[in-house]
């Protein structure tokens, strides 16, 4: 189970990442499951005939392992599967992995 404190950190990070005045064009969402937390880039429909639903594009996944008390970071490949991101060590602190997503030294998260 992921702590509420960690979820709050992730949600605050996502809110800070996109300025409020552009959130009609792009926003970040946090999708929470039992252990993984997926960060999604969301965009409005670009053609009215496609409906009102925003597209949701997975950017990264954070996974908490309770037995180790560590977070790990994953990137999404072109086959839509997540792969472990080996440039960041497992961390007891989710904030350090969010920082790695921000830095994105290989452009694997933000392109």
N, C-alpha and C. Protein backbone atom coordinates (compact mmCIF):
# COMPACT_ATOMS: atom_id res chain seq x y z
N UNK A 1 0.83 -1.19 0.00
CA UNK A 1 0.00 0.00 0.00
C UNK A 1 0.88 1.25 0.00
N UNK A 2 0.53 2.20 -0.83
CA UNK A 2 1.30 3.43 -0.96
C UNK A 2 0.79 4.44 0.07
N UNK A 3 1.71 5.10 0.73
CA UNK A 3 1.31 6.06 1.77
C UNK A 3 0.65 7.29 1.15
N UNK A 4 -0.25 7.88 1.90
CA UNK A 4 -0.91 9.11 1.45
C UNK A 4 0.10 10.24 1.28
N UNK A 5 1.12 10.26 2.12
CA UNK A 5 2.15 11.28 2.02
C UNK A 5 2.87 11.19 0.67
N UNK A 6 3.23 9.98 0.26
CA UNK A 6 3.90 9.79 -1.03
C UNK A 6 2.98 10.17 -2.18
N UNK A 7 1.71 9.78 -2.10
CA UNK A 7 0.75 10.14 -3.15
C UNK A 7 0.58 11.65 -3.23
N UNK A 8 0.54 12.32 -2.09
CA UNK A 8 0.44 13.78 -2.08
C UNK A 8 1.65 14.41 -2.76
N UNK A 9 2.84 13.88 -2.49
CA UNK A 9 4.06 14.40 -3.12
C UNK A 9 3.98 14.26 -4.64
N UNK A 10 3.53 13.10 -5.10
CA UNK A 10 3.44 12.85 -6.54
C UNK A 10 2.41 13.77 -7.17
N UNK A 11 1.26 13.91 -6.54
CA UNK A 11 0.21 14.78 -7.09
C UNK A 11 0.65 16.25 -7.12
N UNK A 12 1.30 16.70 -6.07
CA UNK A 12 1.80 18.08 -6.05
C UNK A 12 2.84 18.30 -7.14
N UNK A 13 3.72 17.31 -7.34
CA UNK A 13 4.72 17.40 -8.40
C UNK A 13 4.03 17.54 -9.76
N UNK A 14 3.01 16.71 -10.01
CA UNK A 14 2.29 16.75 -11.29
C UNK A 14 1.60 18.11 -11.48
N UNK A 15 1.02 18.65 -10.42
CA UNK A 15 0.37 19.95 -10.51
C UNK A 15 1.37 21.06 -10.82
N UNK A 16 2.55 21.01 -10.23
CA UNK A 16 3.57 22.04 -10.46
C UNK A 16 4.19 21.93 -11.85
N UNK A 17 4.17 20.77 -12.42
CA UNK A 17 4.84 20.52 -13.70
C UNK A 17 4.19 21.29 -14.86
N UNK A 18 2.87 21.46 -14.80
CA UNK A 18 2.15 22.13 -15.88
C UNK A 18 1.53 23.42 -15.33
N UNK A 19 1.92 24.58 -15.87
CA UNK A 19 1.33 25.84 -15.39
C UNK A 19 -0.18 25.85 -15.59
N UNK A 20 -0.87 26.47 -14.67
CA UNK A 20 -2.33 26.46 -14.69
C UNK A 20 -2.91 27.02 -15.99
N UNK A 21 -2.30 28.04 -16.56
CA UNK A 21 -2.86 28.68 -17.75
C UNK A 21 -2.79 27.80 -19.01
N UNK A 22 -2.02 26.72 -19.00
CA UNK A 22 -1.98 25.84 -20.17
C UNK A 22 -2.72 24.51 -19.94
N UNK A 23 -3.35 24.36 -18.81
CA UNK A 23 -4.02 23.09 -18.50
C UNK A 23 -5.25 22.82 -19.37
N UNK A 24 -5.68 23.78 -20.16
CA UNK A 24 -6.74 23.51 -21.12
C UNK A 24 -6.17 22.80 -22.35
N UNK A 25 -4.82 22.81 -22.48
CA UNK A 25 -4.15 22.18 -23.61
C UNK A 25 -3.41 20.90 -23.23
N UNK A 26 -2.90 20.86 -22.03
CA UNK A 26 -2.16 19.68 -21.57
C UNK A 26 -2.21 19.65 -20.04
N UNK A 27 -2.27 18.48 -19.50
CA UNK A 27 -2.22 18.33 -18.04
C UNK A 27 -1.59 16.99 -17.72
N UNK A 28 -1.15 16.85 -16.50
CA UNK A 28 -0.63 15.58 -16.01
C UNK A 28 -1.64 15.00 -15.03
N UNK A 29 -1.84 13.71 -15.15
CA UNK A 29 -2.70 13.00 -14.21
C UNK A 29 -1.90 11.89 -13.56
N UNK A 30 -2.34 11.51 -12.39
CA UNK A 30 -1.71 10.44 -11.63
C UNK A 30 -2.74 9.34 -11.46
N UNK A 31 -2.42 8.17 -11.98
CA UNK A 31 -3.31 7.01 -11.91
C UNK A 31 -2.73 6.05 -10.87
N UNK A 32 -3.48 5.82 -9.80
CA UNK A 32 -2.98 5.03 -8.67
C UNK A 32 -3.60 3.64 -8.69
N UNK A 33 -2.75 2.63 -8.61
CA UNK A 33 -3.19 1.24 -8.44
C UNK A 33 -2.66 0.77 -7.09
N UNK A 34 -2.64 -0.52 -6.86
CA UNK A 34 -2.21 -1.05 -5.56
C UNK A 34 -0.76 -0.67 -5.25
N UNK A 35 0.16 -0.98 -6.14
CA UNK A 35 1.57 -0.64 -5.93
C UNK A 35 2.09 0.37 -6.93
N UNK A 36 1.71 0.30 -8.19
CA UNK A 36 2.26 1.28 -9.12
C UNK A 36 1.44 2.57 -9.16
N UNK A 37 2.14 3.64 -9.49
CA UNK A 37 1.53 4.94 -9.75
C UNK A 37 1.99 5.33 -11.15
N UNK A 38 1.05 5.55 -12.04
CA UNK A 38 1.38 5.89 -13.42
C UNK A 38 1.14 7.38 -13.64
N UNK A 39 2.11 8.03 -14.25
CA UNK A 39 2.01 9.45 -14.58
C UNK A 39 1.63 9.53 -16.05
N UNK A 40 0.55 10.27 -16.33
CA UNK A 40 0.02 10.36 -17.68
C UNK A 40 -0.02 11.80 -18.17
N UNK A 41 0.38 11.99 -19.42
CA UNK A 41 0.19 13.28 -20.07
C UNK A 41 -1.15 13.22 -20.78
N UNK A 42 -2.00 14.20 -20.54
CA UNK A 42 -3.35 14.20 -21.10
C UNK A 42 -3.54 15.42 -21.98
N UNK A 43 -4.18 15.18 -23.13
CA UNK A 43 -4.45 16.26 -24.08
C UNK A 43 -5.89 16.19 -24.55
N UNK A 44 -6.49 17.35 -24.84
CA UNK A 44 -7.88 17.36 -25.31
C UNK A 44 -7.98 16.79 -26.72
N UNK A 45 -9.19 16.43 -27.14
CA UNK A 45 -9.35 15.92 -28.51
C UNK A 45 -8.94 17.01 -29.51
N UNK A 46 -8.24 16.60 -30.54
CA UNK A 46 -7.79 17.59 -31.52
C UNK A 46 -8.79 17.77 -32.65
N UNK A 47 -9.77 16.88 -32.76
CA UNK A 47 -10.84 17.00 -33.74
C UNK A 47 -12.17 16.74 -33.03
N UNK A 48 -13.17 17.58 -33.23
CA UNK A 48 -14.45 17.40 -32.54
C UNK A 48 -15.11 16.04 -32.80
N UNK A 49 -14.90 15.49 -33.97
CA UNK A 49 -15.54 14.20 -34.29
C UNK A 49 -14.98 13.04 -33.47
N UNK A 50 -13.88 13.26 -32.77
CA UNK A 50 -13.31 12.20 -31.94
C UNK A 50 -13.90 12.18 -30.53
N UNK A 51 -14.84 13.06 -30.26
CA UNK A 51 -15.50 13.05 -28.96
C UNK A 51 -14.85 14.02 -27.99
N UNK A 52 -15.29 13.93 -26.74
CA UNK A 52 -14.86 14.87 -25.71
C UNK A 52 -13.77 14.32 -24.81
N UNK A 53 -13.45 13.04 -24.95
CA UNK A 53 -12.47 12.42 -24.06
C UNK A 53 -11.05 12.88 -24.39
N UNK A 54 -10.31 13.20 -23.36
CA UNK A 54 -8.91 13.54 -23.51
C UNK A 54 -8.11 12.27 -23.73
N UNK A 55 -7.03 12.36 -24.52
CA UNK A 55 -6.13 11.21 -24.67
C UNK A 55 -5.22 11.16 -23.45
N UNK A 56 -4.91 9.96 -23.02
CA UNK A 56 -4.07 9.75 -21.83
C UNK A 56 -2.86 8.94 -22.27
N UNK A 57 -1.69 9.56 -22.22
CA UNK A 57 -0.46 8.94 -22.69
C UNK A 57 0.47 8.69 -21.50
N UNK A 58 0.72 7.42 -21.17
CA UNK A 58 1.59 7.13 -20.03
C UNK A 58 3.02 7.62 -20.27
N UNK A 59 3.56 8.32 -19.28
CA UNK A 59 4.91 8.87 -19.36
C UNK A 59 5.88 8.03 -18.54
N UNK A 60 5.48 7.73 -17.31
CA UNK A 60 6.37 7.01 -16.38
C UNK A 60 5.53 6.25 -15.37
N UNK A 61 6.18 5.32 -14.73
CA UNK A 61 5.51 4.56 -13.66
C UNK A 61 6.47 4.49 -12.47
N UNK A 62 5.92 4.72 -11.31
CA UNK A 62 6.65 4.58 -10.05
C UNK A 62 6.05 3.40 -9.32
N UNK A 63 6.90 2.57 -8.78
CA UNK A 63 6.40 1.38 -8.08
C UNK A 63 7.04 1.31 -6.70
N UNK A 64 6.19 1.09 -5.70
CA UNK A 64 6.67 0.97 -4.33
C UNK A 64 6.69 -0.50 -3.94
N UNK A 65 7.84 -0.95 -3.44
CA UNK A 65 7.97 -2.32 -2.94
C UNK A 65 8.03 -2.25 -1.42
N UNK A 66 6.98 -2.73 -0.80
CA UNK A 66 6.83 -2.61 0.65
C UNK A 66 7.92 -3.36 1.40
N UNK A 67 8.28 -4.56 0.94
CA UNK A 67 9.28 -5.37 1.66
C UNK A 67 10.65 -4.68 1.69
N UNK A 68 10.97 -3.95 0.64
CA UNK A 68 12.26 -3.23 0.57
C UNK A 68 12.14 -1.79 1.06
N UNK A 69 10.90 -1.31 1.10
CA UNK A 69 10.63 0.10 1.41
C UNK A 69 11.36 1.01 0.44
N UNK A 70 11.23 0.66 -0.84
CA UNK A 70 11.93 1.40 -1.89
C UNK A 70 10.99 1.64 -3.08
N UNK A 71 11.24 2.76 -3.73
CA UNK A 71 10.55 3.11 -4.97
C UNK A 71 11.45 2.78 -6.15
N UNK A 72 10.85 2.38 -7.26
CA UNK A 72 11.59 2.17 -8.50
C UNK A 72 10.88 2.94 -9.61
N UNK A 73 11.61 3.24 -10.66
CA UNK A 73 11.11 4.05 -11.76
C UNK A 73 11.12 3.24 -13.05
N UNK A 74 10.06 3.41 -13.84
CA UNK A 74 9.91 2.69 -15.11
C UNK A 74 9.56 3.67 -16.21
N UNK A 75 10.01 3.37 -17.42
CA UNK A 75 9.67 4.15 -18.60
C UNK A 75 8.83 3.28 -19.53
N UNK A 76 8.02 3.95 -20.37
CA UNK A 76 7.14 3.23 -21.27
C UNK A 76 7.78 3.13 -22.65
N UNK A 77 7.89 1.90 -23.14
CA UNK A 77 8.46 1.66 -24.45
C UNK A 77 7.42 1.78 -25.55
N UNK A 78 7.87 1.67 -26.79
CA UNK A 78 6.95 1.82 -27.92
C UNK A 78 5.94 0.67 -28.02
N UNK A 79 6.22 -0.43 -27.33
CA UNK A 79 5.28 -1.55 -27.31
C UNK A 79 4.24 -1.39 -26.20
N UNK A 80 4.22 -0.21 -25.58
CA UNK A 80 3.29 0.16 -24.50
C UNK A 80 3.54 -0.58 -23.20
N UNK A 81 4.68 -1.25 -23.10
CA UNK A 81 5.05 -1.93 -21.86
C UNK A 81 6.04 -1.05 -21.10
N UNK A 82 6.03 -1.20 -19.79
CA UNK A 82 6.95 -0.44 -18.95
C UNK A 82 8.22 -1.25 -18.71
N UNK A 83 9.35 -0.52 -18.70
CA UNK A 83 10.66 -1.13 -18.50
C UNK A 83 11.37 -0.39 -17.37
N UNK A 84 12.12 -1.13 -16.58
CA UNK A 84 12.82 -0.49 -15.47
C UNK A 84 13.84 0.51 -15.99
N UNK A 85 13.85 1.66 -15.37
CA UNK A 85 14.79 2.73 -15.71
C UNK A 85 16.03 2.54 -14.86
N UNK A 86 17.12 2.12 -15.49
CA UNK A 86 18.32 1.72 -14.76
C UNK A 86 19.27 2.87 -14.41
N UNK A 87 18.97 4.07 -14.85
CA UNK A 87 19.85 5.19 -14.54
C UNK A 87 19.58 5.81 -13.17
N UNK A 88 18.52 5.36 -12.52
CA UNK A 88 18.21 5.84 -11.17
C UNK A 88 18.12 4.64 -10.24
N UNK A 89 18.78 4.73 -9.12
CA UNK A 89 18.75 3.65 -8.14
C UNK A 89 17.39 3.60 -7.45
N UNK A 90 17.10 2.44 -6.87
CA UNK A 90 15.93 2.34 -6.01
C UNK A 90 16.06 3.39 -4.92
N UNK A 91 14.93 3.94 -4.49
CA UNK A 91 15.00 5.04 -3.54
C UNK A 91 13.93 4.91 -2.46
N UNK A 92 14.29 5.21 -1.21
CA UNK A 92 13.27 5.24 -0.16
C UNK A 92 12.39 6.48 -0.29
N UNK A 93 12.84 7.43 -1.10
CA UNK A 93 12.18 8.73 -1.25
C UNK A 93 11.68 8.89 -2.68
N UNK A 94 10.38 9.01 -2.87
CA UNK A 94 9.82 9.14 -4.21
C UNK A 94 10.25 10.45 -4.87
N UNK A 95 10.56 11.46 -4.08
CA UNK A 95 10.91 12.77 -4.62
C UNK A 95 12.16 12.70 -5.51
N UNK A 96 13.12 11.87 -5.15
CA UNK A 96 14.34 11.76 -5.97
C UNK A 96 14.02 11.19 -7.35
N UNK A 97 13.06 10.28 -7.43
CA UNK A 97 12.70 9.71 -8.74
C UNK A 97 11.87 10.70 -9.55
N UNK A 98 11.06 11.50 -8.89
CA UNK A 98 10.34 12.56 -9.60
C UNK A 98 11.35 13.56 -10.17
N UNK A 99 12.40 13.82 -9.43
CA UNK A 99 13.47 14.69 -9.93
C UNK A 99 14.15 14.11 -11.15
N UNK A 100 14.31 12.80 -11.17
CA UNK A 100 14.92 12.13 -12.34
C UNK A 100 14.01 12.27 -13.56
N UNK A 101 12.70 12.17 -13.37
CA UNK A 101 11.76 12.38 -14.48
C UNK A 101 11.89 13.81 -14.98
N UNK A 102 11.99 14.76 -14.08
CA UNK A 102 12.17 16.17 -14.47
C UNK A 102 13.45 16.37 -15.27
N UNK A 103 14.55 15.82 -14.78
CA UNK A 103 15.85 15.97 -15.47
C UNK A 103 15.83 15.28 -16.82
N UNK A 104 15.30 14.07 -16.86
CA UNK A 104 15.17 13.29 -18.09
C UNK A 104 16.43 13.35 -18.97
N UNK A 105 17.57 12.92 -18.45
CA UNK A 105 18.84 13.06 -19.19
C UNK A 105 18.88 12.32 -20.52
N UNK A 106 18.07 11.31 -20.70
CA UNK A 106 18.08 10.55 -21.95
C UNK A 106 16.88 10.88 -22.84
N UNK A 107 16.03 11.80 -22.41
CA UNK A 107 14.80 12.18 -23.13
C UNK A 107 13.84 11.01 -23.30
N UNK A 108 13.88 10.07 -22.39
CA UNK A 108 13.03 8.89 -22.51
C UNK A 108 11.61 9.14 -21.99
N UNK A 109 11.46 10.12 -21.11
CA UNK A 109 10.14 10.41 -20.56
C UNK A 109 9.41 11.48 -21.37
N UNK A 110 10.09 12.57 -21.66
CA UNK A 110 9.42 13.71 -22.30
C UNK A 110 9.78 13.86 -23.78
N UNK A 111 10.65 13.01 -24.29
CA UNK A 111 10.96 13.05 -25.72
C UNK A 111 11.99 14.05 -26.11
